[in-house]
Protein backbone atom coordinates (compact mmCIF):
# COMPACT_ATOMS: atom_id res chain seq x y z
CA MET A 1 -0.29 -0.14 0.47
CA SER A 2 1.29 3.47 -0.90
CA PRO A 3 2.26 6.13 1.90
CA ASP A 4 -1.14 8.72 2.59
CA PRO A 5 0.62 11.58 0.60
CA SER A 6 -0.92 13.59 3.82
CA THR A 7 0.69 11.11 6.01
CA GLU A 8 3.93 12.08 4.38
CA LEU A 9 4.05 15.59 4.10
CA LYS A 10 2.90 16.02 7.90
CA ALA A 11 5.61 13.79 9.08
CA ALA A 12 8.16 15.98 6.21
CA SER A 13 6.09 19.27 8.66
CA ARG A 14 7.02 17.20 11.48
CA GLN A 15 11.19 16.86 10.96
CA ALA A 16 12.07 20.25 9.35
CA THR A 17 10.09 22.59 11.86
CA ALA A 18 12.11 19.71 15.10
CA TRP A 19 15.34 21.42 12.46
CA LEU A 20 14.17 24.89 13.03
CA TYR A 21 12.22 25.30 16.49
CA GLU A 22 14.53 22.81 18.59
CA THR A 23 17.99 22.63 16.81
CA ALA A 24 18.54 25.59 14.59
CA LEU A 25 17.91 28.57 16.22
CA PRO A 26 18.82 27.84 19.55
CA LEU A 27 22.15 27.10 18.36
CA TRP A 28 21.94 30.78 15.75
CA LEU A 29 20.66 32.41 19.19
CA GLU A 30 23.60 31.04 21.23
CA HIS A 31 26.96 31.61 18.62
CA GLY A 32 25.13 33.81 16.01
CA VAL A 33 24.85 36.51 18.18
CA ASP A 34 26.97 39.41 18.30
CA ARG A 35 25.59 40.83 22.42
CA ARG A 36 28.87 42.77 23.35
CA ARG A 37 28.48 45.10 19.70
CA GLY A 38 25.67 44.30 18.20
CA GLY A 39 23.71 42.98 15.22
CA PHE A 40 24.07 39.49 14.15
CA TYR A 41 27.14 37.46 12.81
CA GLU A 42 28.06 37.04 9.31
CA ALA A 43 29.07 32.99 9.59
CA LEU A 44 29.98 30.45 12.13
CA SER A 45 32.85 27.61 11.15
CA HIS A 46 31.55 23.90 10.67
CA HIS A 47 34.63 23.21 12.64
CA ASP A 48 34.61 25.14 16.54
CA LEU A 49 31.23 27.38 16.24
CA SER A 50 33.36 31.01 15.39
CA PRO A 51 32.28 33.72 14.20
CA VAL A 52 33.95 33.59 10.80
CA HIS A 53 33.87 37.35 8.44
CA ASP A 54 35.12 40.76 10.24
CA TYR A 55 32.10 42.63 8.43
CA LYS A 56 28.49 43.18 9.51
CA ARG A 57 25.94 43.77 5.92
CA LEU A 58 22.69 44.40 6.00
CA ARG A 59 21.83 41.80 4.52
CA VAL A 60 21.92 39.42 6.79
CA LEU A 61 21.26 41.98 9.57
CA SER A 62 17.58 41.71 7.99
CA ARG A 63 17.29 38.63 7.25
CA GLN A 64 17.86 37.27 10.86
CA ILE A 65 15.54 40.27 12.55
CA TYR A 66 13.49 37.56 10.21
CA VAL A 67 14.16 34.89 11.53
CA PHE A 68 14.13 34.88 15.14
CA SER A 69 10.99 36.38 14.82
CA GLN A 70 9.32 34.03 12.75
CA GLY A 71 10.63 31.83 15.84
CA ALA A 72 9.50 34.19 18.40
CA GLN A 73 5.95 33.14 17.17
CA ARG A 74 6.62 29.55 16.95
CA GLY A 75 7.78 30.59 21.30
CA VAL A 76 11.63 29.86 20.53
CA SER A 77 13.69 30.88 23.06
CA ASP A 78 15.17 34.03 23.40
CA ALA A 79 13.87 34.88 20.02
CA GLY A 80 12.17 37.43 20.67
CA ALA A 81 15.04 39.49 22.63
CA ALA A 82 16.79 38.80 19.24
CA VAL A 83 14.84 40.44 17.20
CA GLU A 84 14.96 43.15 19.94
CA HIS A 85 18.00 43.50 19.46
CA GLY A 86 18.67 43.67 16.10
CA LEU A 87 15.90 45.95 15.88
CA ASP A 88 18.70 48.45 17.86
CA PHE A 89 21.30 47.58 15.46
CA LEU A 90 19.92 48.45 12.14
CA LEU A 91 17.72 51.85 13.49
CA ASN A 92 20.49 52.93 15.59
CA ARG A 93 23.43 52.01 13.35
CA ALA A 94 22.99 51.31 9.74
CA ARG A 95 20.94 53.98 8.69
CA HIS A 96 22.18 56.32 6.50
CA PRO A 97 21.88 60.38 7.03
CA ASP A 98 20.39 60.84 3.52
CA GLY A 99 17.64 58.47 3.38
CA GLY A 100 17.16 54.32 3.54
CA PHE A 101 20.14 52.24 5.76
CA ILE A 102 23.81 51.17 4.64
CA SER A 103 25.07 48.18 3.59
CA ARG A 104 28.08 46.90 5.67
CA LEU A 105 29.34 47.38 8.86
CA ASP A 106 31.84 46.54 10.52
CA LEU A 107 32.15 44.60 13.61
CA ASP A 108 31.45 47.63 16.31
CA GLY A 109 28.83 49.15 13.50
CA GLU A 110 30.92 51.34 11.89
CA GLY A 111 30.20 52.13 8.20
CA LEU A 112 32.10 50.47 5.72
CA ASP A 113 30.14 50.70 2.80
CA GLN A 114 27.56 53.84 1.88
CA THR A 115 25.63 52.45 -1.01
CA ARG A 116 21.99 51.65 -0.06
CA ASP A 117 22.23 48.59 -2.11
CA LEU A 118 18.39 47.99 -3.27
CA TYR A 119 18.15 44.31 -2.48
CA ASP A 120 19.21 44.90 1.08
CA LEU A 121 16.44 47.96 1.14
CA ALA A 122 13.76 45.31 0.58
CA PHE A 123 15.06 42.81 3.36
CA VAL A 124 14.71 45.18 5.71
CA LEU A 125 11.46 46.27 4.63
CA PHE A 126 10.75 42.30 4.88
CA ALA A 127 12.22 42.25 8.67
CA LEU A 128 9.96 45.62 9.38
CA ALA A 129 6.73 43.41 8.29
CA HIS A 130 7.77 40.39 10.47
CA ALA A 131 8.88 42.12 13.21
CA TYR A 132 5.71 44.10 13.16
CA ARG A 133 3.75 41.27 13.21
CA LEU A 134 5.39 40.25 16.60
CA THR A 135 5.31 43.28 18.33
CA ARG A 136 2.02 45.60 16.58
CA ASP A 137 5.30 48.31 17.33
CA GLY A 138 3.55 50.94 15.47
CA ARG A 139 6.87 52.78 14.82
CA LEU A 140 8.51 50.04 12.37
CA LYS A 141 5.07 50.68 10.22
CA ALA A 142 5.96 54.02 10.33
CA GLU A 143 9.84 53.17 9.33
CA ALA A 144 8.58 51.09 6.88
CA LEU A 145 6.77 53.18 4.89
CA ALA A 146 8.57 56.14 5.25
CA LEU A 147 11.76 53.98 3.73
CA LEU A 148 8.67 53.47 0.95
CA ASP A 149 8.92 56.56 0.93
CA PHE A 150 12.88 57.10 0.29
CA ILE A 151 13.07 54.17 -2.55
CA GLN A 152 10.31 55.57 -4.36
CA THR A 153 11.43 59.19 -4.75
CA SER A 154 15.26 58.68 -4.97
CA MET A 155 15.54 55.27 -6.47
CA ARG A 156 13.51 55.25 -8.92
CA HIS A 157 14.37 54.29 -12.36
CA PRO A 158 12.42 55.82 -15.54
CA ALA A 159 12.65 53.26 -17.23
CA GLY A 160 10.82 51.53 -14.63
CA GLY A 161 11.38 50.01 -11.60
CA TYR A 162 14.18 50.51 -9.46
CA VAL A 163 18.05 51.08 -9.31
CA GLU A 164 19.95 48.81 -8.28
CA ALA A 165 21.85 50.84 -5.72
CA LEU A 166 22.87 54.31 -4.73
CA PRO A 167 24.95 54.77 -6.32
CA PRO A 168 24.15 53.08 -9.43
CA ARG A 169 25.22 50.40 -11.30
CA ALA A 170 24.82 48.04 -14.16
CA PRO A 171 23.94 45.54 -15.15
CA ARG A 172 20.32 45.80 -13.53
CA ARG A 173 19.04 42.79 -12.68
CA GLN A 174 15.05 41.00 -11.30
CA ASN A 175 16.69 39.83 -8.60
CA PRO A 176 15.99 42.76 -6.27
CA HIS A 177 12.89 43.88 -7.97
CA MET A 178 11.32 40.08 -6.59
CA HIS A 179 12.55 40.42 -3.69
CA LEU A 180 10.59 43.96 -2.73
CA LEU A 181 7.84 42.46 -4.27
CA GLU A 182 7.97 39.52 -1.38
CA ALA A 183 9.07 42.62 0.55
CA ALA A 184 5.34 44.10 -0.26
CA LEU A 185 3.52 41.39 -0.14
CA ALA A 186 5.07 40.80 3.58
CA CYS A 187 3.75 44.13 4.07
CA VAL A 188 0.29 43.93 2.87
CA GLU A 189 -0.31 40.35 5.00
CA HIS A 190 1.06 41.87 8.35
CA MET A 191 0.34 45.79 8.01
CA PRO A 192 -1.30 47.09 5.43
CA ASP A 193 -1.27 50.04 3.84
CA PRO A 194 -2.63 51.46 0.23
CA ALA A 195 1.35 52.15 -0.76
CA PHE A 196 1.96 48.77 0.04
CA SER A 197 -0.50 47.21 -2.39
CA ALA A 198 0.56 49.67 -5.01
CA LEU A 199 4.04 48.63 -4.36
CA ALA A 200 3.10 44.62 -4.71
CA ALA A 201 0.40 45.38 -8.14
CA GLU A 202 3.67 47.60 -9.50
CA LEU A 203 5.73 44.63 -9.64
CA VAL A 204 3.33 42.16 -11.11
CA GLY A 205 2.55 43.96 -13.87
CA LEU A 206 6.57 44.33 -13.71
CA CYS A 207 8.08 41.05 -14.03
CA ARG A 208 5.04 39.95 -16.70
CA ARG A 209 5.93 42.84 -19.16
CA ARG A 210 9.80 43.19 -18.35
CA PHE A 211 11.28 40.33 -16.79
CA MET A 212 9.47 36.99 -17.64
CA ASP A 213 8.55 35.51 -20.84
CA GLY A 214 5.49 33.90 -20.12
CA SER A 215 4.86 31.39 -22.74
CA ARG A 216 7.99 29.83 -22.50
CA GLY A 217 8.56 29.61 -18.49
CA LEU A 218 11.10 31.42 -18.25
CA LEU A 219 12.66 34.81 -15.92
CA PHE A 220 15.57 36.30 -17.11
CA GLU A 221 18.32 37.91 -14.87
CA TYR A 222 20.94 40.39 -16.64
CA PHE A 223 18.29 43.18 -18.64
CA GLN A 224 19.47 46.46 -19.73
CA ASP A 225 19.23 49.80 -18.54
CA ASP A 226 15.62 50.83 -20.10
CA LEU A 227 14.59 46.97 -19.57
CA THR A 228 13.73 46.44 -22.71
CA ALA A 229 15.44 43.09 -23.66
CA PRO A 230 17.65 40.76 -20.99
CA LEU A 231 21.63 40.68 -21.33
CA ARG A 232 22.80 38.06 -23.97
CA PRO A 233 26.52 38.58 -23.95
CA ASN A 234 27.29 35.26 -25.71
CA GLY A 235 23.31 35.13 -27.64
CA ARG A 236 21.65 33.68 -24.64
CA ALA A 237 20.76 35.12 -21.65
CA VAL A 238 20.89 33.44 -18.32
CA VAL A 239 18.14 32.05 -16.44
CA GLU A 240 18.49 30.01 -12.52
CA PRO A 241 16.75 27.48 -11.75
CA GLY A 242 16.37 28.50 -8.11
CA HIS A 243 14.65 31.70 -9.10
CA GLN A 244 12.22 30.66 -11.69
CA MET A 245 10.66 28.68 -8.28
CA GLU A 246 10.21 31.54 -5.88
CA TRP A 247 8.64 33.78 -8.78
CA ALA A 248 6.14 30.87 -8.94
CA TRP A 249 5.67 30.94 -5.59
CA LEU A 250 5.33 34.93 -6.06
CA LEU A 251 3.02 35.07 -8.19
CA ARG A 252 1.04 32.68 -6.48
CA GLU A 253 1.33 34.22 -3.45
CA ALA A 254 0.33 37.21 -4.87
CA GLN A 255 -2.49 35.72 -5.76
CA ARG A 256 -3.55 33.99 -2.88
CA LEU A 257 -2.67 37.92 -1.12
CA GLY A 258 -5.04 39.78 -3.67
CA MET A 259 -2.64 40.75 -5.39
CA ASP A 260 -2.85 39.77 -8.60
CA THR A 261 -6.20 38.79 -10.37
CA SER A 262 -4.34 37.56 -14.19
CA ALA A 263 -6.21 34.75 -14.89
CA GLY A 264 -3.03 32.98 -16.30
CA ALA A 265 -0.88 33.60 -13.29
CA ASP A 266 -1.42 30.04 -12.47
CA GLY A 267 -0.17 28.87 -16.03
CA GLU A 268 2.68 31.29 -15.24
CA ALA A 269 4.05 29.76 -12.21
CA GLU A 270 3.54 26.11 -14.14
CA ARG A 271 5.96 26.87 -16.90
CA LEU A 272 8.55 28.52 -14.62
CA GLY A 273 8.81 26.00 -12.12
CA ARG A 274 8.14 22.87 -15.48
CA PHE A 275 11.10 24.79 -16.86
CA ALA A 276 13.46 24.91 -13.32
CA LEU A 277 12.88 21.21 -13.22
CA ALA A 278 12.93 20.09 -17.09
CA HIS A 279 16.99 21.87 -17.46
CA GLY A 280 18.05 23.32 -14.19
CA LEU A 281 17.76 19.45 -11.92
CA ASP A 282 20.05 17.62 -12.04
CA PRO A 283 19.10 13.31 -12.84
CA ALA A 284 22.16 11.90 -11.16
CA SER A 285 22.05 13.93 -8.20
CA GLY A 286 19.11 15.25 -7.86
CA LEU A 287 19.93 18.99 -7.00
CA LEU A 288 19.04 22.47 -9.36
CA ARG A 289 21.85 23.83 -11.07
CA GLY A 290 23.67 27.34 -9.90
CA GLU A 291 21.87 28.43 -13.64
CA VAL A 292 21.27 27.57 -16.98
CA PHE A 293 20.62 29.45 -20.79
CA GLU A 294 17.30 30.28 -22.17
CA ASP A 295 17.95 27.16 -24.51
CA GLY A 296 18.43 24.81 -21.47
CA ALA A 297 22.18 24.11 -21.67
CA ILE A 298 24.23 24.33 -18.78
CA ALA A 299 25.92 27.42 -17.37
CA VAL A 300 26.40 26.60 -13.77
CA ALA A 301 26.72 23.16 -12.86
CA GLY A 302 27.34 24.64 -9.28
CA VAL A 303 24.93 23.86 -6.56
CA ARG A 304 23.82 26.21 -3.61
CA LEU A 305 21.35 24.86 -0.76
CA TRP A 306 19.05 27.83 -0.90
CA PRO A 307 17.68 27.43 -4.10
CA HIS A 308 15.61 24.20 -3.05
CA GLY A 309 13.80 25.75 0.11
CA GLU A 310 12.27 27.77 -3.54
CA TRP A 311 11.91 24.65 -5.01
CA LEU A 312 10.29 23.20 -2.10
CA LYS A 313 7.95 26.62 -1.65
CA ALA A 314 7.14 26.46 -5.56
CA ALA A 315 5.73 22.76 -4.90
CA LEU A 316 3.68 22.94 -2.19
CA ARG A 317 2.13 26.15 -3.63
CA VAL A 318 2.00 25.48 -8.26
CA PRO A 319 -1.03 22.44 -7.80
CA ALA A 320 1.20 21.29 -11.20
CA LEU A 321 4.58 20.89 -9.56
CA ALA A 322 2.64 19.67 -5.85
CA PRO A 323 4.61 15.65 -7.49
CA SER A 324 8.00 17.38 -7.56
CA TRP A 325 8.11 18.46 -3.25
CA PRO A 326 9.16 15.22 -2.59
CA GLY A 327 12.18 16.21 -4.42
CA ALA A 328 12.68 19.12 -3.30
CA TRP A 329 12.87 18.43 0.15
CA ALA A 330 15.10 15.37 0.41
CA ALA A 331 17.21 17.19 -1.54
CA LEU A 332 16.92 20.68 1.51
CA SER A 333 17.73 17.59 3.54
CA LEU A 334 20.53 16.76 3.11
CA PHE A 335 22.31 19.90 3.06
CA LEU A 336 20.80 19.79 6.17
CA ASN A 337 22.43 16.79 7.36
CA THR A 338 25.93 17.72 9.14
CA PRO A 339 27.22 16.65 11.92
CA THR A 340 26.65 19.81 13.83
CA PRO A 341 22.64 19.81 13.98
CA GLY A 342 21.87 22.85 12.81
CA LEU A 343 24.51 24.25 10.56
CA TRP A 344 23.91 23.26 6.90
CA PHE A 345 26.71 22.84 4.14
CA GLU A 346 26.59 25.29 1.90
CA GLN A 347 27.32 23.65 -2.16
CA TRP A 348 27.64 21.05 -3.75
CA ASP A 349 30.57 20.15 -5.98
CA PRO A 350 29.36 18.31 -7.79
CA GLY A 351 32.50 17.04 -9.91
CA ALA A 352 34.02 15.58 -6.74
CA GLY A 353 30.57 14.79 -5.29
CA GLY A 354 30.26 16.28 -2.07
CA PHE A 355 29.91 19.54 -0.07
CA LEU A 356 33.08 21.94 0.25
CA ASP A 357 34.49 23.05 3.29
CA THR A 358 33.07 26.46 3.33
CA PRO A 359 32.03 28.59 6.37
CA VAL A 360 28.52 28.61 7.48
CA PRO A 361 26.35 31.60 6.03
CA ALA A 362 23.15 32.84 8.07
CA SER A 363 22.31 34.51 5.35
CA SER A 364 20.41 30.97 4.33
CA LEU A 365 18.90 30.59 7.02
CA TYR A 366 16.25 32.66 5.95
CA HIS A 367 15.72 30.73 2.65
CA ILE A 368 15.15 27.45 5.26
CA ALA A 369 13.07 29.02 7.43
CA THR A 370 10.85 30.77 3.99
CA ALA A 371 10.59 26.49 3.43
CA VAL A 372 9.90 25.63 7.02
CA ALA A 373 7.16 27.58 6.57
CA GLU A 374 6.01 26.82 3.85
CA LEU A 375 5.52 23.24 5.06
CA GLU A 376 3.71 25.06 8.19
CA ARG A 377 1.00 26.30 6.37
CA ALA A 378 1.00 23.75 3.03
CA PRO A 379 -3.09 21.20 2.89
CA TYR A 380 -2.68 18.23 3.99
CA GLU A 381 -4.98 16.80 1.85
CA GLU A 382 -5.97 14.76 -1.39
CA GLY A 383 -4.48 15.52 -4.81
CA ARG A 384 -0.45 15.20 -4.17
CA GLU A 385 -0.33 12.20 -6.61
CA GLY A 386 3.24 10.86 -6.68
CA ALA A 387 4.69 12.79 -3.16
CA GLU A 388 6.47 10.42 -1.30
CA SER A 389 8.25 12.38 1.20
CA ARG A 390 11.19 9.15 1.55
CA LEU A 391 14.16 9.81 0.12
CA PRO A 392 14.84 8.89 -3.50
CA PRO A 393 17.31 5.97 -3.59
CA ARG A 394 19.63 8.71 -5.23
CA PHE A 395 19.53 10.72 -2.08
CA LYS A 396 20.41 7.45 0.33
CA SER A 397 24.16 7.27 -2.17
CA LEU A 398 25.25 10.97 -2.22
CA ARG A 399 23.89 11.11 1.51
CA ARG A 400 25.82 8.16 2.36
CA ARG A 401 29.07 9.48 -0.30
CA SER A 402 28.81 13.16 1.09
CA SER A 403 29.32 11.57 4.71
CA SER A 404 32.45 10.49 4.85
CA ARG A 405 33.43 14.47 3.16
CA PRO A 406 35.90 16.61 5.82
CA CYS A 407 33.28 19.98 6.10
């Protein structure tokens, strides 16, 4: 008798939530918070859990505020205090005098890079939404609206969308706009305001007009300054399987929150995910490659953790991708299976068939936490044909092979 998909999905959710809330977050609360100087550490060593880098980035600060907010919502001890700790560092040390927030600080909180980066600012907005959800502190909503006003007035590009950063740089990318949409949707859900709804609707429309070829299931990465066409330096544009999955989830999330009423959104999300699986999935390992070209040829065969969290989210949200969720969960689990529970492997080397000995970046915890949140809210129902969370044979062999490599 085949297993009940509902039972299998519940089991995966229990495993994921136990790993995150009972193991990973307590570890990062103990070792990843700089309680003396403020903020959070960039990465920890696999070998002794010591901090690795001598700087602090705005994106990590913001992502960790989100992660600990999620933990506090689930009753993780000291997570709420870590949110307050992170907000204090953000609002008192990372501000730029002319608006927005700076991208990089030293360990003591002194500015190293005054750039206002749209990607990073999107995560500040995302963090403020989730911190507001936790605290209901009206000052956080005011901060979010002020940041949005800065982005709208100082970073809007005349050809559509927003500049990469101040000072401006090239090429233009879809990626910061993707995370700005993610942040806008979080604001719509947790601290509604017409300004956030307008931003979300604008960015969904921008994706359809400029970033995506919906009929082919392609989400392009790099663009000319006027966004009229993707860059094709070698005659072929680059797409990333992980971002294909991320946008598939975002289009469905925009639908859920009433920010996208397009009749074709389901088909677009499905085609994005199917292209990622057809051309980005390595059949030998079951892992998603880093980049492919628009014709499906491999551009970057290397593998990182984060796309597998996005794959899992898309598979749990897009009905046509539902049969692939066990593969996504098995792939993500592979990265989480480390000698020190609560850490993860960041990169898989397809040539060597094992994980690279690199520090554990705090930034990836956000991808894991959003995937766990999607597992928590997934409907445990009929209709996930073929969805079995037991590891396929290739994952069993990969786990044995990788476990013998030093980390």
